[in-house]
Amino acid sequence: MATEKTKKLLDKLNGITSTHKDLNVPKHIPTSNIMWTSILDMYDFPKHYDKVKKHKETDEDGVEDSWFYYDRIYGGLNMQRLIQADGSEYQGKIYDKRKVIKKEDGTNFYTKCHMTADGRWFDGSGMPMTPPTEVEKDDKETTAEETKEQTED
């Protein structure tokens, strides 16, 4: 059984590691996480981005525009990571999904998208999107990590 002195020492060590964990990780927001409001209508962004802080800029011709940071998924086949608008990396699970798209001729096809455990949706290129109305039904939800493990077997 640990002595009282050992317990106090361990408590102090736990305090050091918990406070320094966030201090040692610099937050860097990639420039690809910036969206200009002048081109926002090209994307199907969720409505909560209408309320985020906008940064106004005026170019040399006097044209005024504004921009804001947004969440974006980066990665490839074996690894995905979500860089959030504040520069932090999302630590939850990211699920691979297939969204149903209806063509004008009435046929359907699927396109890849992603959903986070907290309910945010992203298209195949990692851009935020409004939640789809039709998603392929999964027997079992798989994460990107589980998909990697299955391909290695």
N, C-alpha and C. Protein backbone atom coordinates (compact mmCIF):
# COMPACT_ATOMS: atom_id res chain seq x y z
N MET A 1 0.85 -1.17 0.00
CA MET A 1 0.00 0.00 0.00
C MET A 1 0.90 1.24 0.00
N ALA A 2 0.51 2.24 -0.77
CA ALA A 2 1.31 3.45 -0.90
C ALA A 2 1.21 4.31 0.36
N THR A 3 2.31 4.94 0.68
CA THR A 3 2.32 5.81 1.84
C THR A 3 1.67 7.15 1.49
N GLU A 4 1.39 7.94 2.49
CA GLU A 4 0.76 9.26 2.30
C GLU A 4 1.68 10.17 1.48
N LYS A 5 2.98 10.08 1.73
CA LYS A 5 3.95 10.90 1.00
C LYS A 5 3.95 10.53 -0.49
N THR A 6 3.87 9.25 -0.79
CA THR A 6 3.84 8.78 -2.18
C THR A 6 2.58 9.26 -2.87
N LYS A 7 1.45 9.19 -2.17
CA LYS A 7 0.17 9.65 -2.75
C LYS A 7 0.23 11.13 -3.10
N LYS A 8 0.80 11.94 -2.20
CA LYS A 8 0.91 13.37 -2.46
C LYS A 8 1.80 13.64 -3.67
N LEU A 9 2.90 12.92 -3.76
CA LEU A 9 3.81 13.08 -4.88
C LEU A 9 3.13 12.70 -6.20
N LEU A 10 2.40 11.60 -6.20
CA LEU A 10 1.68 11.18 -7.41
C LEU A 10 0.60 12.19 -7.80
N ASP A 11 -0.09 12.76 -6.82
CA ASP A 11 -1.11 13.78 -7.11
C ASP A 11 -0.47 15.00 -7.75
N LYS A 12 0.70 15.40 -7.27
CA LYS A 12 1.39 16.54 -7.86
C LYS A 12 1.83 16.23 -9.30
N LEU A 13 2.29 15.02 -9.55
CA LEU A 13 2.68 14.62 -10.90
C LEU A 13 1.48 14.61 -11.85
N ASN A 14 0.35 14.12 -11.37
CA ASN A 14 -0.86 14.15 -12.19
C ASN A 14 -1.27 15.57 -12.54
N GLY A 15 -1.12 16.47 -11.58
CA GLY A 15 -1.44 17.88 -11.83
C GLY A 15 -0.52 18.50 -12.88
N ILE A 16 0.75 18.13 -12.86
CA ILE A 16 1.71 18.67 -13.82
C ILE A 16 1.37 18.19 -15.23
N THR A 17 1.13 16.90 -15.40
CA THR A 17 0.85 16.38 -16.75
C THR A 17 -0.47 16.88 -17.29
N SER A 18 -1.47 17.05 -16.44
CA SER A 18 -2.76 17.51 -16.95
C SER A 18 -2.74 18.98 -17.35
N THR A 19 -1.96 19.82 -16.68
CA THR A 19 -1.93 21.24 -17.03
C THR A 19 -1.00 21.52 -18.20
N HIS A 20 0.06 20.74 -18.37
CA HIS A 20 1.02 21.01 -19.43
C HIS A 20 0.65 20.36 -20.76
N LYS A 21 -0.30 19.45 -20.75
CA LYS A 21 -0.68 18.77 -21.98
C LYS A 21 -1.16 19.77 -23.03
N ASP A 22 -2.01 20.72 -22.64
CA ASP A 22 -2.54 21.69 -23.59
C ASP A 22 -1.53 22.79 -23.92
N LEU A 23 -0.61 23.09 -23.02
CA LEU A 23 0.33 24.17 -23.24
C LEU A 23 1.39 23.82 -24.27
N ASN A 24 1.76 22.54 -24.36
CA ASN A 24 2.83 22.13 -25.26
C ASN A 24 2.38 21.90 -26.70
N VAL A 25 1.10 21.90 -26.95
CA VAL A 25 0.60 21.65 -28.30
C VAL A 25 0.21 22.98 -28.93
N PRO A 26 1.05 23.49 -29.85
CA PRO A 26 0.69 24.76 -30.48
C PRO A 26 -0.50 24.56 -31.42
N LYS A 27 -1.41 25.51 -31.41
CA LYS A 27 -2.57 25.44 -32.30
C LYS A 27 -2.26 26.24 -33.55
N HIS A 28 -2.39 25.57 -34.67
CA HIS A 28 -2.16 26.21 -35.96
C HIS A 28 -3.37 25.93 -36.83
N ILE A 29 -4.01 26.97 -37.32
CA ILE A 29 -5.16 26.80 -38.19
C ILE A 29 -4.69 26.95 -39.63
N PRO A 30 -4.80 25.88 -40.43
CA PRO A 30 -4.36 25.97 -41.82
C PRO A 30 -5.16 27.02 -42.59
N THR A 31 -4.53 27.61 -43.58
CA THR A 31 -5.24 28.61 -44.39
C THR A 31 -6.35 27.96 -45.20
N SER A 32 -6.29 26.66 -45.38
CA SER A 32 -7.39 25.98 -46.08
C SER A 32 -8.62 25.83 -45.20
N ASN A 33 -8.54 26.24 -43.94
CA ASN A 33 -9.70 26.28 -43.04
C ASN A 33 -10.33 27.67 -43.02
N ILE A 34 -10.07 28.48 -44.02
CA ILE A 34 -10.65 29.82 -44.13
C ILE A 34 -11.66 29.82 -45.28
N MET A 35 -12.85 30.33 -45.01
CA MET A 35 -13.87 30.45 -46.04
C MET A 35 -14.23 31.92 -46.20
N TRP A 36 -14.19 32.41 -47.45
CA TRP A 36 -14.58 33.78 -47.76
C TRP A 36 -16.08 33.80 -47.99
N THR A 37 -16.76 34.78 -47.40
CA THR A 37 -18.21 34.85 -47.53
C THR A 37 -18.66 35.11 -48.97
N SER A 38 -17.80 35.69 -49.80
CA SER A 38 -18.18 35.96 -51.18
C SER A 38 -18.32 34.67 -52.00
N ILE A 39 -17.71 33.57 -51.57
CA ILE A 39 -17.86 32.32 -52.31
C ILE A 39 -18.63 31.26 -51.52
N LEU A 40 -19.18 31.64 -50.40
CA LEU A 40 -19.88 30.70 -49.53
C LEU A 40 -21.09 30.06 -50.21
N ASP A 41 -21.73 30.78 -51.14
CA ASP A 41 -22.92 30.24 -51.79
C ASP A 41 -22.61 29.04 -52.69
N MET A 42 -21.34 28.77 -52.96
CA MET A 42 -20.95 27.61 -53.76
C MET A 42 -21.01 26.32 -52.94
N TYR A 43 -21.10 26.43 -51.63
CA TYR A 43 -21.05 25.27 -50.74
C TYR A 43 -22.37 25.14 -49.98
N ASP A 44 -22.60 23.95 -49.47
CA ASP A 44 -23.80 23.65 -48.70
C ASP A 44 -23.44 23.62 -47.21
N PHE A 45 -22.95 24.75 -46.70
CA PHE A 45 -22.51 24.81 -45.31
C PHE A 45 -23.70 24.76 -44.35
N PRO A 46 -23.52 24.16 -43.17
CA PRO A 46 -24.57 24.18 -42.15
C PRO A 46 -24.88 25.61 -41.71
N LYS A 47 -26.08 25.83 -41.25
CA LYS A 47 -26.56 27.17 -40.90
C LYS A 47 -25.80 27.81 -39.73
N HIS A 48 -25.20 27.01 -38.85
CA HIS A 48 -24.52 27.61 -37.69
C HIS A 48 -23.31 28.45 -38.11
N TYR A 49 -22.82 28.28 -39.33
CA TYR A 49 -21.71 29.10 -39.80
C TYR A 49 -22.15 30.53 -40.12
N ASP A 50 -23.45 30.78 -40.21
CA ASP A 50 -23.94 32.14 -40.42
C ASP A 50 -23.67 33.02 -39.20
N LYS A 51 -23.51 32.39 -38.04
CA LYS A 51 -23.38 33.14 -36.78
C LYS A 51 -21.95 33.23 -36.26
N VAL A 52 -20.97 32.65 -36.97
CA VAL A 52 -19.59 32.68 -36.48
C VAL A 52 -18.97 34.05 -36.71
N LYS A 53 -17.88 34.32 -35.98
CA LYS A 53 -17.21 35.61 -36.08
C LYS A 53 -16.58 35.76 -37.47
N LYS A 54 -16.84 36.87 -38.11
CA LYS A 54 -16.31 37.15 -39.45
C LYS A 54 -15.22 38.22 -39.33
N HIS A 55 -14.19 38.08 -40.12
CA HIS A 55 -13.07 39.03 -40.16
C HIS A 55 -13.16 39.80 -41.47
N LYS A 56 -13.37 41.10 -41.39
CA LYS A 56 -13.51 41.91 -42.60
C LYS A 56 -12.16 42.35 -43.13
N GLU A 57 -12.06 42.36 -44.46
CA GLU A 57 -10.85 42.85 -45.13
C GLU A 57 -11.26 43.64 -46.36
N THR A 58 -10.47 44.65 -46.68
CA THR A 58 -10.69 45.45 -47.89
C THR A 58 -9.45 45.34 -48.74
N ASP A 59 -9.62 44.99 -50.03
CA ASP A 59 -8.46 44.86 -50.91
C ASP A 59 -8.04 46.23 -51.44
N GLU A 60 -6.99 46.24 -52.26
CA GLU A 60 -6.44 47.50 -52.76
C GLU A 60 -7.40 48.25 -53.68
N ASP A 61 -8.39 47.56 -54.24
CA ASP A 61 -9.39 48.22 -55.09
C ASP A 61 -10.58 48.74 -54.29
N GLY A 62 -10.57 48.52 -52.99
CA GLY A 62 -11.65 48.99 -52.15
C GLY A 62 -12.80 48.00 -52.00
N VAL A 63 -12.63 46.79 -52.52
CA VAL A 63 -13.68 45.77 -52.41
C VAL A 63 -13.59 45.14 -51.03
N GLU A 64 -14.71 45.13 -50.33
CA GLU A 64 -14.76 44.60 -48.98
C GLU A 64 -15.30 43.17 -48.98
N ASP A 65 -14.67 42.31 -48.24
CA ASP A 65 -15.11 40.92 -48.09
C ASP A 65 -14.79 40.49 -46.67
N SER A 66 -15.33 39.39 -46.24
CA SER A 66 -15.02 38.88 -44.92
C SER A 66 -14.80 37.37 -44.99
N TRP A 67 -14.12 36.84 -43.99
CA TRP A 67 -13.81 35.42 -43.94
C TRP A 67 -13.98 34.92 -42.52
N PHE A 68 -14.04 33.59 -42.41
CA PHE A 68 -14.16 32.95 -41.10
C PHE A 68 -13.48 31.59 -41.15
N TYR A 69 -13.15 31.07 -39.98
CA TYR A 69 -12.57 29.73 -39.87
C TYR A 69 -13.70 28.70 -39.81
N TYR A 70 -13.45 27.51 -40.38
CA TYR A 70 -14.44 26.43 -40.31
C TYR A 70 -13.72 25.10 -40.07
N ASP A 71 -14.49 24.10 -39.68
CA ASP A 71 -13.97 22.75 -39.44
C ASP A 71 -13.74 22.07 -40.78
N ARG A 72 -12.68 21.24 -40.86
CA ARG A 72 -12.42 20.52 -42.10
C ARG A 72 -11.70 19.21 -41.82
N ILE A 73 -12.08 18.19 -42.56
CA ILE A 73 -11.43 16.88 -42.43
C ILE A 73 -10.31 16.78 -43.45
N TYR A 74 -9.16 16.28 -42.98
CA TYR A 74 -8.00 16.03 -43.83
C TYR A 74 -7.65 14.56 -43.72
N GLY A 75 -7.01 14.03 -44.74
CA GLY A 75 -6.55 12.65 -44.67
C GLY A 75 -6.76 11.92 -45.97
N GLY A 76 -6.61 10.62 -45.88
CA GLY A 76 -6.75 9.78 -47.05
C GLY A 76 -7.44 8.49 -46.70
N LEU A 77 -7.00 7.40 -47.34
CA LEU A 77 -7.64 6.12 -47.14
C LEU A 77 -7.44 5.55 -45.75
N ASN A 78 -6.26 5.70 -45.21
CA ASN A 78 -5.95 5.06 -43.93
C ASN A 78 -6.01 5.97 -42.72
N MET A 79 -6.11 7.29 -42.92
CA MET A 79 -6.07 8.19 -41.79
C MET A 79 -6.93 9.41 -42.08
N GLN A 80 -7.71 9.79 -41.11
CA GLN A 80 -8.51 11.01 -41.22
C GLN A 80 -8.36 11.78 -39.92
N ARG A 81 -8.31 13.11 -40.06
CA ARG A 81 -8.30 13.95 -38.86
C ARG A 81 -9.12 15.19 -39.16
N LEU A 82 -9.76 15.67 -38.14
CA LEU A 82 -10.62 16.84 -38.25
C LEU A 82 -9.95 17.99 -37.53
N ILE A 83 -9.58 19.03 -38.28
CA ILE A 83 -9.05 20.24 -37.68
C ILE A 83 -10.24 21.19 -37.51
N GLN A 84 -10.50 21.55 -36.26
CA GLN A 84 -11.66 22.37 -35.95
C GLN A 84 -11.35 23.85 -36.16
N ALA A 85 -12.39 24.66 -36.14
CA ALA A 85 -12.25 26.08 -36.43
C ALA A 85 -11.31 26.79 -35.45
N ASP A 86 -11.17 26.26 -34.25
CA ASP A 86 -10.27 26.90 -33.27
C ASP A 86 -8.83 26.40 -33.38
N GLY A 87 -8.55 25.50 -34.33
CA GLY A 87 -7.21 24.99 -34.53
C GLY A 87 -6.94 23.68 -33.81
N SER A 88 -7.84 23.24 -32.96
CA SER A 88 -7.63 21.98 -32.26
C SER A 88 -8.02 20.80 -33.14
N GLU A 89 -7.49 19.63 -32.80
CA GLU A 89 -7.82 18.42 -33.54
C GLU A 89 -8.92 17.67 -32.80
N TYR A 90 -9.95 17.28 -33.52
CA TYR A 90 -11.08 16.54 -32.96
C TYR A 90 -10.60 15.16 -32.51
N GLN A 91 -10.96 14.77 -31.29
CA GLN A 91 -10.50 13.51 -30.73
C GLN A 91 -11.54 12.40 -30.80
N GLY A 92 -12.77 12.72 -31.22
CA GLY A 92 -13.82 11.71 -31.29
C GLY A 92 -13.71 10.85 -32.54
N LYS A 93 -14.70 9.98 -32.72
CA LYS A 93 -14.70 9.08 -33.87
C LYS A 93 -15.28 9.78 -35.10
N ILE A 94 -14.75 9.39 -36.26
CA ILE A 94 -15.24 9.88 -37.54
C ILE A 94 -15.72 8.66 -38.31
N TYR A 95 -17.00 8.66 -38.67
CA TYR A 95 -17.60 7.54 -39.38
C TYR A 95 -17.66 7.81 -40.87
N ASP A 96 -17.35 6.81 -41.67
CA ASP A 96 -17.50 6.88 -43.11
C ASP A 96 -18.94 6.51 -43.47
N LYS A 97 -19.58 7.32 -44.27
CA LYS A 97 -20.97 7.09 -44.67
C LYS A 97 -21.08 7.21 -46.18
N ARG A 98 -22.23 6.82 -46.71
CA ARG A 98 -22.53 6.99 -48.12
C ARG A 98 -23.87 7.70 -48.23
N LYS A 99 -23.85 8.86 -48.86
CA LYS A 99 -25.04 9.68 -49.05
C LYS A 99 -25.71 9.30 -50.37
N VAL A 100 -27.03 9.20 -50.35
CA VAL A 100 -27.79 8.86 -51.55
C VAL A 100 -28.07 10.14 -52.35
N ILE A 101 -27.71 10.13 -53.63
CA ILE A 101 -27.98 11.25 -54.53
C ILE A 101 -28.96 10.76 -55.59
N LYS A 102 -30.01 11.53 -55.83
CA LYS A 102 -30.98 11.18 -56.86
C LYS A 102 -30.69 11.98 -58.12
N LYS A 103 -30.54 11.27 -59.25
CA LYS A 103 -30.34 11.92 -60.54
C LYS A 103 -31.69 12.38 -61.09
N GLU A 104 -31.63 13.23 -62.09
CA GLU A 104 -32.86 13.73 -62.72
C GLU A 104 -33.66 12.62 -63.39
N ASP A 105 -32.97 11.58 -63.87
CA ASP A 105 -33.68 10.48 -64.53
C ASP A 105 -34.30 9.49 -63.55
N GLY A 106 -34.19 9.75 -62.24
CA GLY A 106 -34.82 8.92 -61.22
C GLY A 106 -33.92 7.86 -60.62
N THR A 107 -32.73 7.67 -61.18
CA THR A 107 -31.82 6.68 -60.61
C THR A 107 -31.05 7.29 -59.44
N ASN A 108 -30.53 6.43 -58.61
CA ASN A 108 -29.76 6.85 -57.43
C ASN A 108 -28.30 6.45 -57.57
N PHE A 109 -27.44 7.20 -56.92
CA PHE A 109 -26.05 6.80 -56.77
C PHE A 109 -25.58 7.29 -55.40
N TYR A 110 -24.44 6.78 -54.98
CA TYR A 110 -23.91 7.11 -53.67
C TYR A 110 -22.67 7.98 -53.80
N THR A 111 -22.47 8.83 -52.81
CA THR A 111 -21.25 9.60 -52.70
C THR A 111 -20.76 9.50 -51.26
N LYS A 112 -19.45 9.49 -51.10
CA LYS A 112 -18.86 9.33 -49.78
C LYS A 112 -19.03 10.60 -48.96
N CYS A 113 -19.31 10.42 -47.67
CA CYS A 113 -19.33 11.54 -46.73
C CYS A 113 -18.91 11.01 -45.36
N HIS A 114 -18.76 11.90 -44.41
CA HIS A 114 -18.29 11.54 -43.08
C HIS A 114 -19.20 12.17 -42.03
N MET A 115 -19.32 11.47 -40.90
CA MET A 115 -20.09 12.00 -39.78
C MET A 115 -19.26 11.82 -38.51
N THR A 116 -19.22 12.85 -37.69
CA THR A 116 -18.50 12.75 -36.42
C THR A 116 -19.44 12.19 -35.36
N ALA A 117 -18.87 11.71 -34.29
CA ALA A 117 -19.67 11.16 -33.20
C ALA A 117 -20.58 12.22 -32.57
N ASP A 118 -20.20 13.50 -32.69
CA ASP A 118 -21.04 14.56 -32.13
C ASP A 118 -22.04 15.12 -33.14
N GLY A 119 -22.16 14.48 -34.32
CA GLY A 119 -23.24 14.82 -35.25
C GLY A 119 -22.91 15.79 -36.36
N ARG A 120 -21.65 16.16 -36.57
CA ARG A 120 -21.29 17.05 -37.68
C ARG A 120 -21.07 16.22 -38.93
N TRP A 121 -21.44 16.78 -40.09
CA TRP A 121 -21.33 16.09 -41.37
C TRP A 121 -20.34 16.80 -42.28
N PHE A 122 -19.61 15.99 -43.09
CA PHE A 122 -18.62 16.50 -44.02
C PHE A 122 -18.74 15.73 -45.33
N ASP A 123 -18.54 16.42 -46.44
CA ASP A 123 -18.61 15.74 -47.74
C ASP A 123 -17.31 14.99 -47.99
N GLY A 124 -17.20 14.35 -49.15
CA GLY A 124 -16.05 13.53 -49.47
C GLY A 124 -14.74 14.30 -49.54
N SER A 125 -14.81 15.60 -49.77
CA SER A 125 -13.59 16.41 -49.81
C SER A 125 -13.24 17.00 -48.45
N GLY A 126 -14.02 16.69 -47.42
CA GLY A 126 -13.73 17.16 -46.07
C GLY A 126 -14.39 18.47 -45.70
N MET A 127 -15.22 19.02 -46.58
CA MET A 127 -15.90 20.29 -46.31
C MET A 127 -17.17 20.05 -45.50
N PRO A 128 -17.51 20.98 -44.59
CA PRO A 128 -18.75 20.83 -43.84
C PRO A 128 -19.96 20.82 -44.76
N MET A 129 -20.99 20.09 -44.37
CA MET A 129 -22.21 20.03 -45.17
C MET A 129 -23.41 19.89 -44.24
N THR A 130 -24.57 20.25 -44.74
CA THR A 130 -25.78 20.03 -43.96
C THR A 130 -26.04 18.52 -43.92
N PRO A 131 -26.63 18.03 -42.87
CA PRO A 131 -26.88 16.58 -42.78
C PRO A 131 -27.76 16.11 -43.95
N PRO A 132 -27.40 14.99 -44.56
CA PRO A 132 -28.18 14.50 -45.70
C PRO A 132 -29.52 13.94 -45.25
N THR A 133 -30.47 13.92 -46.17
CA THR A 133 -31.78 13.36 -45.86
C THR A 133 -31.78 11.85 -46.03
N GLU A 134 -30.98 11.33 -46.95
CA GLU A 134 -30.89 9.89 -47.17
C GLU A 134 -29.45 9.43 -47.08
N VAL A 135 -29.22 8.47 -46.18
CA VAL A 135 -27.90 7.88 -46.00
C VAL A 135 -28.08 6.37 -46.09
N GLU A 136 -27.10 5.70 -46.68
CA GLU A 136 -27.15 4.24 -46.76
C GLU A 136 -27.21 3.68 -45.35
N LYS A 137 -28.09 2.72 -45.14
CA LYS A 137 -28.22 2.08 -43.84
C LYS A 137 -27.05 1.15 -43.60
N ASP A 138 -26.42 1.27 -42.43
CA ASP A 138 -25.29 0.43 -42.08
C ASP A 138 -25.74 -0.61 -41.07
N ASP A 139 -25.27 -1.86 -41.25
CA ASP A 139 -25.49 -2.87 -40.22
C ASP A 139 -24.61 -2.55 -39.02
N LYS A 140 -23.42 -2.08 -39.33
CA LYS A 140 -22.46 -1.72 -38.28
C LYS A 140 -21.73 -0.48 -38.75
N GLU A 141 -21.70 0.54 -37.91
CA GLU A 141 -20.95 1.74 -38.26
C GLU A 141 -19.47 1.44 -38.12
N THR A 142 -18.69 1.85 -39.10
CA THR A 142 -17.25 1.63 -39.04
C THR A 142 -16.55 2.97 -39.04
N THR A 143 -15.48 3.04 -38.28
CA THR A 143 -14.67 4.25 -38.25
C THR A 143 -13.53 4.09 -39.25
N ALA A 144 -12.86 5.16 -39.52
CA ALA A 144 -11.71 5.12 -40.42
C ALA A 144 -10.64 4.20 -39.84
N GLU A 145 -10.47 4.18 -38.51
CA GLU A 145 -9.48 3.33 -37.88
C GLU A 145 -9.84 1.86 -38.08
N GLU A 146 -11.14 1.51 -37.94
CA GLU A 146 -11.56 0.13 -38.11
C GLU A 146 -11.42 -0.29 -39.57
N THR A 147 -11.67 0.62 -40.50
CA THR A 147 -11.51 0.30 -41.91
C THR A 147 -10.05 -0.02 -42.20
N LYS A 148 -9.14 0.74 -41.61
CA LYS A 148 -7.71 0.49 -41.80
C LYS A 148 -7.33 -0.88 -41.27
N GLU A 149 -7.85 -1.24 -40.08
CA GLU A 149 -7.55 -2.53 -39.50
C GLU A 149 -8.06 -3.67 -40.37
N GLN A 150 -9.26 -3.50 -40.97
CA GLN A 150 -9.83 -4.53 -41.82
C GLN A 150 -9.02 -4.74 -43.08
N THR A 151 -8.47 -3.68 -43.66
CA THR A 151 -7.70 -3.79 -44.90
C THR A 151 -6.33 -4.40 -44.64
N GLU A 152 -5.82 -4.28 -43.41
CA GLU A 152 -4.52 -4.85 -43.08
C GLU A 152 -4.58 -6.34 -42.84
N ASP A 153 -5.75 -6.85 -42.48
CA ASP A 153 -5.90 -8.30 -42.19
C ASP A 153 -5.83 -9.16 -43.41
